[in-house]
Amino acid sequence: MDDVAQIGNLRNVAYDLRGERVRQFLDYTVSSDLSALEPGKSQATKLVTPKGEVTGALTCVDPTSYRLTIPAAKAGLAAAWLRDLSDGYTSFNLDGQPDGTPKRMPGPVVVMESKEKGVEVTGKPVSEDKPWFIGVTGDGSKVSLPTFEWKESESPLRRTPLYEVHKSLGAKVIPFAGWEMPVWYSSVLEEHL
């Protein structure tokens, strides 16, 4: 194959993934965070399939084209999984159980062997900041934020420069969002007649 790259002592295959919604498709499909991946840049990533995990490298070619470099031994598995997800006729359940829900990946995307060589990258293939992707384990390795507790502010109410004018005109004043605000100048009956 002319699309096989020699990286270390492993042989890798590169696949081009293209389509108008390929970025959204990959955002749900791979473990790395694509939000900051710019054209020409690469990052380590992982693809989780029902038959195992495939670790590789993802390169942004342009906003509608990406290149996925993976070990040749798992190339068929990865390509079939990506194509099945794009077609929308496969279950997200990695345990093989049927999935009757209407969940589908954004797409479609084209998955084809690349004429370009793959790349070698280092780094963690799973982003700790990514909330979900197919196969996320949720191992809780990231420290949770503290529990939010509302604390009532006891600061004094503020007044606008027109506060005294409103009071002199007989306005009823109430506290609102930290300010003393006029709400009406007469009775309800007078305002509705």
Protein backbone atom coordinates (compact mmCIF):
# COMPACT_ATOMS: atom_id res chain seq x y z
CA MET A 1 0.00 0.00 0.00
CA ASP A 2 1.30 3.44 -0.81
CA ASP A 3 -0.58 4.97 2.15
CA VAL A 4 1.27 2.99 4.82
CA ALA A 5 3.72 5.02 6.89
CA GLN A 6 6.57 3.54 8.91
CA ILE A 7 6.49 4.96 12.46
CA GLY A 8 8.97 3.40 14.84
CA ASN A 9 8.60 -0.33 14.32
CA LEU A 10 4.82 -0.12 13.77
CA ARG A 11 3.19 0.13 10.37
CA ASN A 12 0.38 2.66 10.22
CA VAL A 13 -2.42 3.39 7.80
CA ALA A 14 -3.87 6.85 7.18
CA TYR A 15 -7.52 7.46 6.35
CA ASP A 16 -8.97 10.71 5.03
CA LEU A 17 -12.33 11.65 6.51
CA ARG A 18 -14.28 14.29 4.60
CA GLY A 19 -17.67 15.92 4.74
CA GLU A 20 -19.50 19.11 5.64
CA ARG A 21 -20.12 17.85 9.19
CA VAL A 22 -16.96 15.79 9.68
CA ARG A 23 -15.83 17.90 12.65
CA GLN A 24 -19.10 17.26 14.51
CA PHE A 25 -18.91 13.57 13.54
CA LEU A 26 -15.38 13.24 14.94
CA ASP A 27 -16.27 15.22 18.05
CA TYR A 28 -18.61 12.39 19.07
CA THR A 29 -16.46 9.58 17.68
CA VAL A 30 -12.91 10.17 18.94
CA SER A 31 -11.58 10.81 22.44
CA SER A 32 -9.48 13.91 21.75
CA ASP A 33 -10.76 17.49 21.92
CA LEU A 34 -11.05 18.93 18.42
CA SER A 35 -12.07 22.43 19.53
CA ALA A 36 -8.56 23.87 19.25
CA LEU A 37 -7.23 21.64 16.45
CA GLU A 38 -6.25 23.95 13.59
CA PRO A 39 -5.48 23.03 9.97
CA GLY A 40 -2.05 21.41 9.68
CA LYS A 41 -1.96 20.38 13.36
CA SER A 42 -2.22 16.86 14.80
CA GLN A 43 -3.10 15.30 18.14
CA ALA A 44 -3.18 11.86 19.74
CA THR A 45 -6.62 10.30 19.80
CA LYS A 46 -8.48 7.08 20.50
CA LEU A 47 -11.40 5.43 18.75
CA VAL A 48 -13.50 2.99 20.79
CA THR A 49 -15.28 0.23 18.84
CA PRO A 50 -17.31 -2.79 19.98
CA LYS A 51 -14.24 -4.94 19.22
CA GLY A 52 -11.65 -2.85 21.03
CA GLU A 53 -9.84 0.45 21.18
CA VAL A 54 -7.73 1.93 18.39
CA THR A 55 -5.15 4.56 19.35
CA GLY A 56 -3.74 6.83 16.67
CA ALA A 57 -3.24 10.39 15.49
CA LEU A 58 -5.78 12.85 14.10
CA THR A 59 -4.68 15.64 11.75
CA CYS A 60 -6.86 18.57 10.69
CA VAL A 61 -6.29 19.04 6.95
CA ASP A 62 -8.95 21.76 6.63
CA PRO A 63 -12.36 22.42 8.27
CA THR A 64 -14.05 19.70 6.19
CA SER A 65 -11.21 17.16 6.01
CA TYR A 66 -9.25 15.22 8.64
CA ARG A 67 -6.64 12.46 8.46
CA LEU A 68 -6.69 9.59 10.96
CA THR A 69 -3.46 7.59 11.30
CA ILE A 70 -3.87 4.20 12.99
CA PRO A 71 -1.95 0.91 13.32
CA ALA A 72 -2.34 -1.23 10.18
CA ALA A 73 -3.40 -4.21 12.31
CA LYS A 74 -6.58 -2.36 13.33
CA ALA A 75 -7.17 -0.38 10.13
CA GLY A 76 -10.04 -2.55 8.86
CA LEU A 77 -11.80 -2.43 12.23
CA ALA A 78 -11.50 1.36 12.49
CA ALA A 79 -12.55 2.02 8.89
CA ALA A 80 -15.59 -0.28 9.15
CA TRP A 81 -16.66 1.31 12.46
CA LEU A 82 -16.34 4.86 11.11
CA ARG A 83 -18.25 3.98 7.93
CA ASP A 84 -21.00 2.23 9.91
CA LEU A 85 -21.36 5.24 12.21
CA SER A 86 -21.55 7.55 9.21
CA ASP A 87 -24.21 5.38 7.55
CA GLY A 88 -26.26 5.50 10.75
CA TYR A 89 -27.07 1.79 10.84
CA THR A 90 -25.16 0.74 13.91
CA SER A 91 -25.69 0.76 17.64
CA PHE A 92 -23.65 2.98 19.95
CA ASN A 93 -23.84 0.21 22.55
CA LEU A 94 -20.32 -1.18 22.64
CA ASP A 95 -21.52 -4.38 24.34
CA GLY A 96 -23.27 -5.47 21.14
CA GLN A 97 -26.80 -5.01 22.47
CA PRO A 98 -29.39 -3.70 19.99
CA ASP A 99 -30.12 0.01 20.17
CA GLY A 100 -33.63 1.04 19.17
CA THR A 101 -33.07 4.74 19.82
CA PRO A 102 -32.92 7.22 16.94
CA LYS A 103 -29.39 8.34 17.88
CA ARG A 104 -27.21 8.99 14.84
CA MET A 105 -23.89 10.67 14.20
CA PRO A 106 -23.82 13.97 12.30
CA GLY A 107 -22.82 13.31 8.75
CA PRO A 108 -22.50 11.67 6.38
CA VAL A 109 -18.73 11.52 6.07
CA VAL A 110 -16.50 9.82 3.52
CA VAL A 111 -13.86 7.45 4.94
CA MET A 112 -11.17 6.54 2.41
CA GLU A 113 -7.55 5.46 2.43
CA SER A 114 -5.25 8.46 2.22
CA LYS A 115 -2.58 9.00 -0.42
CA GLU A 116 -0.60 10.95 2.18
CA LYS A 117 1.65 9.50 4.87
CA GLY A 118 0.45 9.33 8.45
CA VAL A 119 1.98 11.34 11.29
CA GLU A 120 3.51 10.48 14.64
CA VAL A 121 2.27 12.36 17.69
CA THR A 122 2.76 12.21 21.43
CA GLY A 123 0.40 13.12 24.21
CA LYS A 124 -2.65 11.76 25.93
CA PRO A 125 -5.23 10.38 23.51
CA VAL A 126 -8.14 11.14 25.85
CA SER A 127 -9.07 14.72 26.71
CA GLU A 128 -10.02 15.21 30.37
CA ASP A 129 -12.16 18.20 29.37
CA LYS A 130 -14.28 16.34 26.83
CA PRO A 131 -17.67 15.50 28.38
CA TRP A 132 -18.71 12.69 26.02
CA PHE A 133 -17.63 10.52 23.11
CA ILE A 134 -18.51 6.97 22.11
CA GLY A 135 -16.82 4.75 24.68
CA VAL A 136 -16.21 7.36 27.36
CA THR A 137 -15.56 5.61 30.66
CA GLY A 138 -16.14 8.47 33.05
CA ASP A 139 -13.39 7.25 35.35
CA GLY A 140 -13.58 10.52 37.28
CA SER A 141 -9.88 11.31 37.01
CA LYS A 142 -10.56 15.04 36.86
CA VAL A 143 -11.27 16.84 40.14
CA SER A 144 -14.88 17.98 40.41
CA LEU A 145 -15.80 21.58 40.97
CA PRO A 146 -17.01 22.40 44.48
CA THR A 147 -20.75 22.22 45.10
CA PHE A 148 -22.42 25.56 44.43
CA GLU A 149 -24.13 27.16 47.40
CA TRP A 150 -26.04 30.42 47.16
CA LYS A 151 -25.00 33.03 49.71
CA GLU A 152 -27.35 35.94 50.18
CA SER A 153 -25.53 39.23 49.84
CA GLU A 154 -26.14 41.67 52.65
CA SER A 155 -24.85 44.74 50.82
CA PRO A 156 -26.90 47.94 51.14
CA LEU A 157 -29.39 48.73 48.39
CA ARG A 158 -28.14 51.23 45.83
CA ARG A 159 -30.06 54.23 44.55
CA THR A 160 -30.13 55.87 41.16
CA PRO A 161 -29.55 59.64 40.85
CA LEU A 162 -33.32 60.00 40.31
CA TYR A 163 -34.27 58.21 43.54
CA GLU A 164 -35.23 61.42 45.39
CA VAL A 165 -37.30 62.63 42.41
CA HIS A 166 -39.26 59.37 42.38
CA LYS A 167 -39.85 59.56 46.15
CA SER A 168 -41.03 63.18 45.94
CA LEU A 169 -43.53 62.20 43.22
CA GLY A 170 -44.96 59.53 45.55
CA ALA A 171 -43.55 56.41 43.89
CA LYS A 172 -43.78 53.12 45.72
CA VAL A 173 -40.17 51.89 45.96
CA ILE A 174 -39.15 48.24 46.26
CA PRO A 175 -35.78 46.43 46.36
CA PHE A 176 -34.91 44.90 42.99
CA ALA A 177 -31.55 43.39 41.93
CA GLY A 178 -29.67 45.35 44.57
CA TRP A 179 -31.36 48.68 43.78
CA GLU A 180 -34.26 50.64 45.25
CA MET A 181 -36.57 50.91 42.24
CA PRO A 182 -39.89 52.75 41.74
CA VAL A 183 -42.75 50.49 40.66
CA TRP A 184 -45.81 52.76 40.61
CA TYR A 185 -46.94 56.23 41.58
CA SER A 186 -50.60 55.76 42.38
CA SER A 187 -53.03 52.99 43.25
CA VAL A 188 -53.66 50.00 41.01
CA LEU A 189 -57.19 51.26 40.35
CA GLU A 190 -55.96 54.69 39.19
CA GLU A 191 -53.34 53.18 36.88
CA HIS A 192 -55.92 50.97 35.13
CA LEU A 193 -58.59 53.61 34.54
